[in-house]
Amino acid sequence: MKRWTRLLASASAVAFMAATPVAIAQEATTTQEAPTPETGLLDLYTWLHANPELSFKEQTSANILATELESLGFSVTKGLGDEWVRQKSTEDEGTVREGVGGYGVVGVYENGEGPTVLIRADMDALPVPEQTGLDYASEVTSMTWTGVESPVMHACGHDIHMTNWVGTARELIANKDDWSGTLVMIAQPAEELGLGAKAMIEDGLYEDFPLPDYNLGLHVSASAPAGTVSYSSGYALANVDSVDIHVKGVGGHGAYPHTAKDPVVIASNIVMGLQTLVARNVDPQTPAVVTVGSFKAGAKHNIISDAAELLLTVRSYDDETRQLLLDGIERIAKGQAQAYGAPEPEIRIDSDYTPSTYNDPDLTSEAMAAISQAIGEDNVSEVTPVMGGEDFSQYSRTEENVPSLIFWLGAIAPEAYEAAQNGGESLPSLHSPFFAPDPEPTIETGVEAMTAAAMALFNKE
């Protein structure tokens, strides 16, 4: 837990760390009785949907998932070596471990000789007011890590992810005579902050637990029908960098602009200059994005302010393109300030960036062959990569370089998907207050797909 605290501090999450994990957990409100290992998957899903928890506050969700693994016979001490056993108290030996990198959960199931397969689900929700109209819609409110009281919703499908994770664990244990190896199930906090995977790794995921031979994960798709799976081989999701530019000027009266150095004009030219960065510096066949998401300056009509703030998101796949974009942003910002005779701007590149997600081609081919056999070839398709980010990438971007795969799970009711394809109402995106998966076929397909992929890897010669 100490390593988790240091990580958050390094990510400038000072406001969040004003409360301890215990105090944070006490803010959560839940409805109905919490599910148990006897709860069906659909009921588990509706409970998780109605009781979302924000990043690094996932105590209740984590406890439910840990209890599920314990009921199935998972542990964290078998076969992990004398050093690990000595670190654990007697009453903890053989139990699933919670509190890894925050509220992360790790369970290990040894089932004979064979490869080690890690399956990951993320748990956190978003500060979004739900507007789906569902009977089990969230009414939870909570304090965000930036100190804002907000309604909370599973607007990115992590409730589906957790339910599929539980269903997959149940299926694999029920059919343990049909596979051999070590299954590692992890439930991850704080994916939405891009910090949870790194927190679990920093807290000993690859040191205190079996090192996986393969990592598997899934994510719901808001643009594909339930009952389907899609994937990208190679790069699947992008590097995500956040860049802040503090533009310095010289303030003055709006009626006498010649006596000032207007930061609004300088920042405006920086924004326009950035539009050429991708168009004229990056190979046209190489994906790249530079978006200015916020521009703030001034407080009154007739005052030239002395500063302006630009907030950027920067997306790329490979490290070379990433560096080209970051260097270009700095060059353009400083060049524009110099052209206007203004002080040099301050440029801050967030050190806790999310690296691009790379699906190992061999692993992808093997897993998709198994999934195609399980749910039908017509229900599996290859899609182009996206410029969104996912911190699942952290599990393969370590010195161990574990082959990894994350695939898309269709979550839209087929009739709604068909209507949208035929010019009807457009589909809500992920993070939308209107996003509502079609739970039953989505969960059924997700469990089938993930179970098939894991079984294929366990049974490799």
Protein backbone atom coordinates (compact mmCIF):
# COMPACT_ATOMS: atom_id res chain seq x y z
CA MET A 1 0.00 0.00 0.00
CA LYS A 2 2.94 2.33 0.61
CA ARG A 3 4.06 1.91 -2.99
CA TRP A 4 0.54 2.78 -4.14
CA THR A 5 0.65 5.98 -2.07
CA ARG A 6 3.98 6.96 -3.61
CA LEU A 7 2.64 6.29 -7.08
CA LEU A 8 -0.37 8.52 -6.59
CA ALA A 9 1.80 11.28 -5.18
CA SER A 10 4.05 11.04 -8.22
CA ALA A 11 0.96 11.41 -10.40
CA SER A 12 0.11 14.71 -8.67
CA ALA A 13 -2.97 13.19 -7.06
CA VAL A 14 -2.47 15.27 -3.94
CA ALA A 15 -6.12 16.20 -3.56
CA PHE A 16 -7.14 12.55 -3.80
CA MET A 17 -4.67 11.46 -1.15
CA ALA A 18 -6.12 13.93 1.36
CA ALA A 19 -8.29 10.99 2.43
CA THR A 20 -7.07 7.55 3.47
CA PRO A 21 -8.36 4.45 1.63
CA VAL A 22 -10.52 3.58 4.64
CA ALA A 23 -12.08 7.02 4.80
CA ILE A 24 -12.69 6.98 1.06
CA ALA A 25 -14.44 3.65 1.25
CA GLN A 26 -16.82 5.00 3.87
CA GLU A 27 -18.21 7.50 1.36
CA ALA A 28 -19.62 4.74 -0.87
CA THR A 29 -23.34 4.04 -0.81
CA THR A 30 -24.86 0.79 -1.97
CA THR A 31 -28.35 -0.43 -2.79
CA GLN A 32 -29.79 -3.85 -2.02
CA GLU A 33 -27.88 -6.69 -0.43
CA ALA A 34 -24.43 -7.35 -1.84
CA PRO A 35 -24.13 -10.40 -4.12
CA THR A 36 -22.59 -13.67 -2.95
CA PRO A 37 -20.86 -16.54 -4.81
CA GLU A 38 -24.32 -18.07 -5.25
CA THR A 39 -25.62 -14.99 -7.13
CA GLY A 40 -26.32 -15.49 -10.83
CA LEU A 41 -24.28 -13.48 -13.34
CA LEU A 42 -27.15 -11.27 -14.48
CA ASP A 43 -28.06 -10.35 -10.90
CA LEU A 44 -24.39 -9.75 -10.14
CA TYR A 45 -24.19 -7.41 -13.13
CA THR A 46 -27.26 -5.36 -12.19
CA TRP A 47 -25.94 -4.97 -8.63
CA LEU A 48 -22.52 -3.83 -9.82
CA HIS A 49 -24.17 -1.41 -12.27
CA ALA A 50 -26.34 0.09 -9.55
CA ASN A 51 -23.42 0.41 -7.11
CA PRO A 52 -20.48 1.90 -9.02
CA GLU A 53 -17.30 3.08 -7.31
CA LEU A 54 -14.83 5.68 -8.55
CA SER A 55 -11.14 5.11 -9.18
CA PHE A 56 -9.16 3.95 -6.12
CA LYS A 57 -12.44 3.65 -4.18
CA GLU A 58 -13.39 0.16 -5.38
CA GLN A 59 -13.42 -1.48 -1.94
CA THR A 60 -16.87 -3.08 -2.13
CA SER A 61 -16.43 -4.32 -5.70
CA ALA A 62 -13.02 -5.73 -4.80
CA ASN A 63 -14.38 -7.54 -1.77
CA ILE A 64 -17.17 -9.14 -3.80
CA LEU A 65 -14.72 -10.36 -6.45
CA ALA A 66 -12.22 -11.60 -3.87
CA THR A 67 -14.96 -13.52 -2.05
CA GLU A 68 -15.96 -15.12 -5.34
CA LEU A 69 -12.41 -16.32 -6.00
CA GLU A 70 -12.05 -17.65 -2.47
CA SER A 71 -15.25 -19.66 -2.88
CA LEU A 72 -13.77 -21.23 -6.03
CA GLY A 73 -10.57 -22.28 -4.28
CA PHE A 74 -8.16 -19.57 -5.42
CA SER A 75 -5.19 -18.64 -3.21
CA VAL A 76 -2.01 -16.58 -3.39
CA THR A 77 0.43 -18.74 -1.47
CA LYS A 78 0.53 -22.12 -3.19
CA GLY A 79 3.71 -22.60 -5.17
CA LEU A 80 4.93 -19.04 -4.68
CA GLY A 81 8.08 -19.91 -2.75
CA ASP A 82 9.21 -19.83 0.86
CA GLU A 83 9.97 -16.12 0.83
CA TRP A 84 6.35 -15.22 0.01
CA VAL A 85 4.94 -17.64 2.60
CA ARG A 86 7.15 -16.19 5.32
CA GLN A 87 5.80 -12.72 4.57
CA LYS A 88 2.21 -13.80 5.18
CA SER A 89 0.58 -14.33 8.56
CA THR A 90 -0.83 -17.78 9.24
CA GLU A 91 -4.44 -16.68 8.94
CA ASP A 92 -3.78 -15.13 5.53
CA GLU A 93 -2.15 -18.16 3.97
CA GLY A 94 -4.23 -19.69 1.22
CA THR A 95 -6.55 -16.71 0.81
CA VAL A 96 -6.99 -14.38 -2.13
CA ARG A 97 -4.99 -11.21 -1.68
CA GLU A 98 -6.70 -7.81 -1.69
CA GLY A 99 -5.12 -4.36 -1.48
CA VAL A 100 -2.64 -4.76 -4.32
CA GLY A 101 -1.97 -1.31 -5.78
CA GLY A 102 -4.98 0.17 -4.00
CA TYR A 103 -8.01 -2.11 -4.01
CA GLY A 104 -6.57 -4.54 -6.53
CA VAL A 105 -7.37 -8.24 -6.14
CA VAL A 106 -5.12 -11.18 -7.05
CA GLY A 107 -6.09 -14.85 -6.94
CA VAL A 108 -4.02 -17.82 -8.08
CA TYR A 109 -5.33 -21.27 -9.01
CA GLU A 110 -2.76 -24.00 -9.59
CA ASN A 111 -4.03 -26.84 -11.75
CA GLY A 112 -1.02 -28.93 -12.62
CA GLU A 113 1.82 -28.36 -15.08
CA GLY A 114 1.36 -25.87 -17.88
CA PRO A 115 1.48 -22.19 -18.77
CA THR A 116 0.44 -19.33 -16.51
CA VAL A 117 -2.46 -17.27 -17.89
CA LEU A 118 -3.45 -13.93 -16.33
CA ILE A 119 -7.00 -12.62 -16.86
CA ARG A 120 -7.70 -9.01 -15.92
CA ALA A 121 -10.84 -7.00 -15.27
CA ASP A 122 -11.02 -3.33 -14.29
CA MET A 123 -13.44 -2.16 -11.59
CA ASP A 124 -13.75 1.61 -11.49
CA ALA A 125 -16.65 3.77 -12.71
CA LEU A 126 -16.86 7.37 -13.95
CA PRO A 127 -18.19 10.67 -12.56
CA VAL A 128 -21.13 10.65 -15.01
CA PRO A 129 -24.82 11.17 -14.12
CA GLU A 130 -26.68 8.13 -15.47
CA GLN A 131 -29.57 8.87 -17.85
CA THR A 132 -30.35 5.40 -19.19
CA GLY A 133 -33.73 5.07 -17.47
CA LEU A 134 -32.91 1.51 -16.40
CA ASP A 135 -34.65 0.04 -13.37
CA TYR A 136 -31.20 -0.61 -11.91
CA ALA A 137 -29.68 2.74 -12.88
CA SER A 138 -27.06 4.15 -10.53
CA GLU A 139 -28.09 6.77 -7.99
CA VAL A 140 -24.67 6.83 -6.33
CA THR A 141 -22.79 10.08 -5.76
CA SER A 142 -19.18 10.35 -4.62
CA MET A 143 -16.23 12.72 -4.37
CA THR A 144 -13.86 12.56 -7.31
CA TRP A 145 -10.11 12.55 -6.80
CA THR A 146 -10.11 16.23 -7.86
CA GLY A 147 -12.51 17.11 -5.03
CA VAL A 148 -15.78 17.42 -6.97
CA GLU A 149 -18.99 15.81 -5.71
CA SER A 150 -20.52 13.99 -8.68
CA PRO A 151 -23.02 11.31 -9.66
CA VAL A 152 -21.27 8.06 -10.55
CA MET A 153 -22.01 5.59 -13.35
CA HIS A 154 -20.46 2.56 -15.00
CA ALA A 155 -20.41 4.41 -18.32
CA CYS A 156 -17.44 2.43 -19.67
CA GLY A 157 -18.74 -1.07 -19.08
CA HIS A 158 -16.47 -2.12 -16.24
CA ASP A 159 -19.52 -3.71 -14.59
CA ILE A 160 -19.71 -6.02 -17.61
CA HIS A 161 -15.96 -6.64 -17.36
CA MET A 162 -16.21 -7.70 -13.71
CA THR A 163 -19.21 -9.94 -14.39
CA ASN A 164 -17.46 -11.64 -17.32
CA TRP A 165 -14.39 -12.10 -15.13
CA VAL A 166 -16.45 -13.89 -12.48
CA GLY A 167 -18.24 -15.98 -15.10
CA THR A 168 -14.94 -16.99 -16.70
CA ALA A 169 -13.46 -18.00 -13.34
CA ARG A 170 -16.52 -20.11 -12.60
CA GLU A 171 -16.36 -21.82 -16.00
CA LEU A 172 -12.65 -22.57 -15.82
CA ILE A 173 -12.87 -24.06 -12.33
CA ALA A 174 -15.98 -26.06 -13.23
CA ASN A 175 -14.02 -27.53 -16.17
CA LYS A 176 -10.62 -27.79 -14.51
CA ASP A 177 -10.22 -31.39 -15.67
CA ASP A 178 -10.01 -30.07 -19.24
CA TRP A 179 -6.97 -27.80 -18.80
CA SER A 180 -3.64 -27.70 -17.02
CA GLY A 181 -1.59 -24.77 -15.79
CA THR A 182 -1.80 -21.80 -13.41
CA LEU A 183 -4.65 -19.30 -13.62
CA VAL A 184 -4.06 -15.81 -12.23
CA MET A 185 -7.17 -13.63 -11.91
CA ILE A 186 -6.63 -9.92 -11.21
CA ALA A 187 -9.22 -7.22 -10.59
CA GLN A 188 -7.66 -3.82 -11.22
CA PRO A 189 -8.47 -0.41 -9.75
CA ALA A 190 -8.30 3.00 -11.42
CA GLU A 191 -8.16 2.21 -15.14
CA GLU A 192 -9.99 5.47 -15.82
CA LEU A 193 -7.10 7.42 -14.29
CA GLY A 194 -4.56 5.35 -16.20
CA LEU A 195 -2.88 4.53 -12.87
CA GLY A 196 -4.29 1.21 -11.69
CA ALA A 197 -2.23 -1.24 -13.74
CA LYS A 198 0.97 0.59 -12.92
CA ALA A 199 -0.02 0.67 -9.24
CA MET A 200 -0.49 -3.12 -9.16
CA ILE A 201 2.83 -3.71 -10.93
CA GLU A 202 4.61 -1.30 -8.57
CA ASP A 203 3.03 -3.14 -5.64
CA GLY A 204 4.60 -6.45 -6.67
CA LEU A 205 2.21 -8.05 -9.16
CA TYR A 206 5.05 -9.62 -11.15
CA GLU A 207 7.27 -10.18 -8.10
CA ASP A 208 4.93 -11.63 -5.47
CA PHE A 209 2.75 -13.70 -7.79
CA PRO A 210 3.40 -16.13 -10.65
CA LEU A 211 4.77 -14.36 -13.72
CA PRO A 212 2.27 -14.93 -16.54
CA ASP A 213 3.12 -16.42 -19.90
CA TYR A 214 0.07 -14.65 -21.37
CA ASN A 215 -2.17 -11.73 -20.38
CA LEU A 216 -5.81 -11.58 -21.46
CA GLY A 217 -8.39 -8.81 -21.16
CA LEU A 218 -11.53 -7.57 -22.85
CA HIS A 219 -13.42 -4.31 -23.24
CA VAL A 220 -17.01 -3.71 -24.22
CA SER A 221 -17.64 -2.05 -27.55
CA ALA A 222 -20.33 0.62 -27.90
CA SER A 223 -20.33 0.21 -31.68
CA ALA A 224 -20.78 -3.55 -32.11
CA PRO A 225 -23.78 -5.80 -31.45
CA ALA A 226 -23.98 -8.14 -28.48
CA GLY A 227 -22.97 -11.66 -29.42
CA THR A 228 -19.88 -10.55 -31.34
CA VAL A 229 -16.16 -10.15 -30.68
CA SER A 230 -13.73 -7.94 -32.59
CA TYR A 231 -9.99 -7.44 -32.35
CA SER A 232 -6.90 -5.75 -33.73
CA SER A 233 -3.62 -7.59 -34.21
CA GLY A 234 -0.55 -5.52 -33.37
CA TYR A 235 -1.27 -1.99 -32.17
CA ALA A 236 -4.82 -1.80 -30.82
CA LEU A 237 -4.93 1.37 -28.68
CA ALA A 238 -2.76 4.45 -28.49
CA ASN A 239 -0.14 6.13 -26.35
CA VAL A 240 -1.93 8.80 -24.31
CA ASP A 241 0.03 11.89 -23.24
CA SER A 242 -1.31 14.95 -21.42
CA VAL A 243 0.50 18.23 -22.04
CA ASP A 244 -0.07 21.56 -20.26
CA ILE A 245 1.20 24.78 -21.82
CA HIS A 246 1.34 27.88 -19.61
CA VAL A 247 1.61 30.81 -22.03
CA LYS A 248 3.13 33.92 -20.48
CA GLY A 249 2.30 37.43 -21.62
CA VAL A 250 2.35 40.98 -20.34
CA GLY A 251 -1.00 42.22 -19.07
CA GLY A 252 -2.55 45.58 -19.83
CA HIS A 253 -5.62 47.58 -20.82
CA GLY A 254 -7.63 46.22 -23.72
CA ALA A 255 -7.72 49.71 -25.26
CA TYR A 256 -3.92 49.89 -25.40
CA PRO A 257 -2.77 46.51 -26.78
CA HIS A 258 0.56 47.95 -27.91
CA THR A 259 1.61 48.27 -24.26
CA ALA A 260 1.03 44.54 -23.57
CA LYS A 261 2.03 41.12 -24.86
CA ASP A 262 -1.32 39.44 -25.41
CA PRO A 263 -1.19 35.76 -24.32
CA VAL A 264 -4.53 35.06 -26.00
CA VAL A 265 -3.06 35.94 -29.39
CA ILE A 266 0.10 33.96 -28.67
CA ALA A 267 -1.87 30.93 -27.47
CA SER A 268 -4.20 31.17 -30.45
CA ASN A 269 -1.24 31.00 -32.79
CA ILE A 270 0.13 28.04 -30.85
CA VAL A 271 -3.21 26.26 -31.33
CA MET A 272 -3.16 26.94 -35.07
CA GLY A 273 0.51 26.01 -35.34
CA LEU A 274 -0.22 22.68 -33.68
CA GLN A 275 -2.67 21.86 -36.45
CA THR A 276 0.28 21.54 -38.83
CA LEU A 277 2.26 19.25 -36.54
CA VAL A 278 0.52 16.07 -37.66
CA ALA A 279 -0.26 17.28 -41.18
CA ARG A 280 3.27 18.37 -42.04
CA ASN A 281 5.60 16.46 -39.71
CA VAL A 282 4.16 12.94 -39.41
CA ASP A 283 4.15 10.36 -42.18
CA PRO A 284 0.59 10.42 -43.62
CA GLN A 285 0.36 6.65 -43.11
CA THR A 286 1.23 6.91 -39.40
CA PRO A 287 -1.68 7.62 -36.99
CA ALA A 288 -1.23 10.62 -34.71
CA VAL A 289 -3.49 13.10 -32.89
CA VAL A 290 -2.85 16.41 -31.15
CA THR A 291 -6.01 17.94 -29.66
CA VAL A 292 -6.28 21.13 -27.59
CA GLY A 293 -9.03 20.26 -25.15
CA SER A 294 -8.97 23.43 -23.05
CA PHE A 295 -8.05 27.09 -23.62
CA LYS A 296 -8.38 29.43 -20.64
CA ALA A 297 -7.37 33.07 -20.33
CA GLY A 298 -8.56 36.38 -18.93
CA ALA A 299 -11.45 37.47 -16.71
CA LYS A 300 -12.87 40.69 -18.19
CA HIS A 301 -13.71 42.28 -21.55
CA ASN A 302 -11.22 45.12 -21.42
CA ILE A 303 -8.25 43.51 -19.68
CA ILE A 304 -5.41 41.81 -21.50
CA SER A 305 -4.41 38.98 -19.19
CA ASP A 306 -0.85 38.07 -18.40
CA ALA A 307 -1.25 34.33 -19.02
CA ALA A 308 -3.19 31.68 -20.91
CA GLU A 309 -3.48 27.94 -20.29
CA LEU A 310 -3.70 25.22 -22.94
CA LEU A 311 -4.42 21.58 -22.10
CA LEU A 312 -3.60 19.01 -24.78
CA THR A 313 -4.12 15.31 -25.34
CA VAL A 314 -1.57 13.66 -27.62
CA ARG A 315 -2.09 10.22 -29.21
CA SER A 316 0.27 7.94 -31.12
CA TYR A 317 1.19 4.26 -31.42
CA ASP A 318 4.96 3.92 -31.67
CA ASP A 319 7.53 5.60 -29.43
CA GLU A 320 9.23 7.42 -32.33
CA THR A 321 6.03 9.19 -33.36
CA ARG A 322 5.24 9.98 -29.73
CA GLN A 323 8.59 11.74 -29.29
CA LEU A 324 8.21 13.58 -32.59
CA LEU A 325 4.87 15.01 -31.42
CA LEU A 326 6.10 16.00 -27.95
CA ASP A 327 9.20 17.67 -29.38
CA GLY A 328 7.07 19.47 -31.97
CA ILE A 329 4.67 20.82 -29.36
CA GLU A 330 7.55 22.29 -27.40
CA ARG A 331 9.15 23.76 -30.52
CA ILE A 332 5.93 25.40 -31.75
CA ALA A 333 4.97 26.82 -28.34
CA LYS A 334 8.38 28.34 -27.70
CA GLY A 335 8.69 29.59 -31.28
CA GLN A 336 5.37 31.44 -31.21
CA ALA A 337 6.21 33.10 -27.90
CA GLN A 338 9.56 34.20 -29.26
CA ALA A 339 7.92 35.57 -32.42
CA TYR A 340 5.79 37.89 -30.27
CA GLY A 341 8.64 38.88 -27.98
CA ALA A 342 6.92 37.22 -25.01
CA PRO A 343 8.48 35.20 -22.19
CA GLU A 344 9.13 31.52 -22.88
CA PRO A 345 6.09 29.38 -22.01
CA GLU A 346 6.16 26.66 -19.37
CA ILE A 347 5.44 23.22 -20.85
CA ARG A 348 4.56 20.27 -18.65
CA ILE A 349 4.34 16.74 -20.06
CA ASP A 350 2.63 14.39 -17.62
CA SER A 351 5.14 11.70 -16.68
CA ASP A 352 2.39 9.15 -15.99
CA TYR A 353 1.40 8.61 -19.59
CA THR A 354 -0.52 5.54 -20.80
CA PRO A 355 1.56 3.55 -23.29
CA SER A 356 0.05 2.11 -26.45
CA THR A 357 -1.57 -1.31 -26.31
CA TYR A 358 0.05 -3.92 -28.53
CA ASN A 359 -1.73 -7.22 -29.14
CA ASP A 360 0.86 -9.93 -29.71
CA PRO A 361 0.07 -11.24 -33.23
CA ASP A 362 0.73 -14.92 -32.45
CA LEU A 363 -1.31 -14.80 -29.26
CA THR A 364 -4.09 -12.92 -31.05
CA SER A 365 -4.23 -15.52 -33.83
CA GLU A 366 -4.41 -18.44 -31.39
CA ALA A 367 -7.02 -16.83 -29.14
CA MET A 368 -9.25 -15.70 -31.99
CA ALA A 369 -9.19 -19.14 -33.56
CA ALA A 370 -10.48 -20.57 -30.28
CA ILE A 371 -13.07 -17.81 -29.85
CA SER A 372 -14.28 -18.28 -33.44
CA GLN A 373 -14.82 -21.95 -32.76
CA ALA A 374 -16.72 -21.15 -29.55
CA ILE A 375 -19.08 -18.41 -30.78
CA GLY A 376 -18.94 -18.88 -34.57
CA GLU A 377 -16.64 -17.40 -37.22
CA ASP A 378 -19.35 -14.99 -38.41
CA ASN A 379 -19.36 -13.38 -34.96
CA VAL A 380 -15.64 -12.59 -34.91
CA SER A 381 -14.07 -9.80 -36.98
CA GLU A 382 -10.85 -7.84 -37.23
CA VAL A 383 -11.17 -4.05 -36.86
CA THR A 384 -8.87 -1.09 -37.24
CA PRO A 385 -7.02 0.14 -34.14
CA VAL A 386 -8.43 3.12 -32.21
CA MET A 387 -6.76 6.20 -30.74
CA GLY A 388 -8.28 5.65 -27.31
CA GLY A 389 -6.04 4.52 -24.47
CA GLU A 390 -6.08 1.57 -22.04
CA ASP A 391 -3.68 0.94 -19.19
CA PHE A 392 -3.90 -2.81 -19.85
CA SER A 393 -0.84 -1.98 -21.94
CA GLN A 394 1.22 -1.65 -18.76
CA TYR A 395 1.16 -5.41 -18.19
CA SER A 396 3.20 -6.03 -21.34
CA ARG A 397 5.33 -2.86 -21.23
CA THR A 398 7.53 -4.17 -18.41
CA GLU A 399 10.95 -5.78 -18.67
CA GLU A 400 9.22 -9.18 -18.71
CA ASN A 401 7.47 -8.22 -21.99
CA VAL A 402 4.59 -10.66 -21.45
CA PRO A 403 2.56 -11.34 -24.64
CA SER A 404 -0.86 -9.73 -24.20
CA LEU A 405 -4.24 -9.49 -25.90
CA ILE A 406 -7.26 -7.30 -25.23
CA PHE A 407 -10.29 -7.74 -27.47
CA TRP A 408 -13.58 -5.93 -27.99
CA LEU A 409 -16.86 -7.42 -26.79
CA GLY A 410 -19.98 -6.24 -28.62
CA ALA A 411 -22.47 -4.82 -26.12
CA ILE A 412 -25.27 -3.17 -28.12
CA ALA A 413 -28.73 -4.71 -28.46
CA PRO A 414 -28.77 -6.16 -32.01
CA GLU A 415 -31.99 -4.35 -32.93
CA ALA A 416 -30.54 -0.99 -31.81
CA TYR A 417 -27.37 -1.71 -33.76
CA GLU A 418 -29.33 -2.56 -36.91
CA ALA A 419 -31.45 0.57 -36.58
CA ALA A 420 -28.35 2.76 -36.24
CA GLN A 421 -26.76 1.09 -39.27
CA ASN A 422 -29.90 1.88 -41.30
CA GLY A 423 -29.89 5.59 -40.49
CA GLY A 424 -31.80 5.46 -37.22
CA GLU A 425 -30.86 6.93 -33.89
CA SER A 426 -27.09 7.03 -33.32
CA LEU A 427 -25.60 4.82 -30.63
CA PRO A 428 -24.34 6.34 -27.35
CA SER A 429 -20.59 6.10 -27.02
CA LEU A 430 -18.59 4.83 -24.09
CA HIS A 431 -18.53 7.42 -21.28
CA SER A 432 -21.99 8.63 -22.35
CA PRO A 433 -24.70 8.96 -19.67
CA PHE A 434 -26.95 7.01 -22.06
CA PHE A 435 -24.62 4.03 -22.59
CA ALA A 436 -26.44 0.81 -21.63
CA PRO A 437 -25.14 -2.61 -22.69
CA ASP A 438 -27.52 -5.41 -23.57
CA PRO A 439 -26.38 -7.44 -20.57
CA GLU A 440 -27.52 -11.03 -21.08
CA PRO A 441 -26.06 -11.77 -24.54
CA THR A 442 -23.03 -9.58 -23.82
CA ILE A 443 -22.15 -11.48 -20.65
CA GLU A 444 -22.86 -14.86 -22.22
CA THR A 445 -20.61 -14.11 -25.20
CA GLY A 446 -17.88 -12.58 -23.05
CA VAL A 447 -17.69 -15.60 -20.76
CA GLU A 448 -17.68 -18.01 -23.72
CA ALA A 449 -14.99 -16.03 -25.53
CA MET A 450 -12.63 -15.51 -22.59
CA THR A 451 -13.01 -19.09 -21.40
CA ALA A 452 -12.26 -20.42 -24.89
CA ALA A 453 -9.17 -18.22 -25.24
CA ALA A 454 -7.80 -19.26 -21.85
CA MET A 455 -8.47 -22.97 -22.46
CA ALA A 456 -6.67 -22.80 -25.82
CA LEU A 457 -3.59 -21.29 -24.16
CA PHE A 458 -3.60 -23.79 -21.30
CA ASN A 459 -3.82 -26.67 -23.75
CA LYS A 460 -1.05 -25.52 -26.08
CA GLU A 461 1.56 -28.21 -26.70
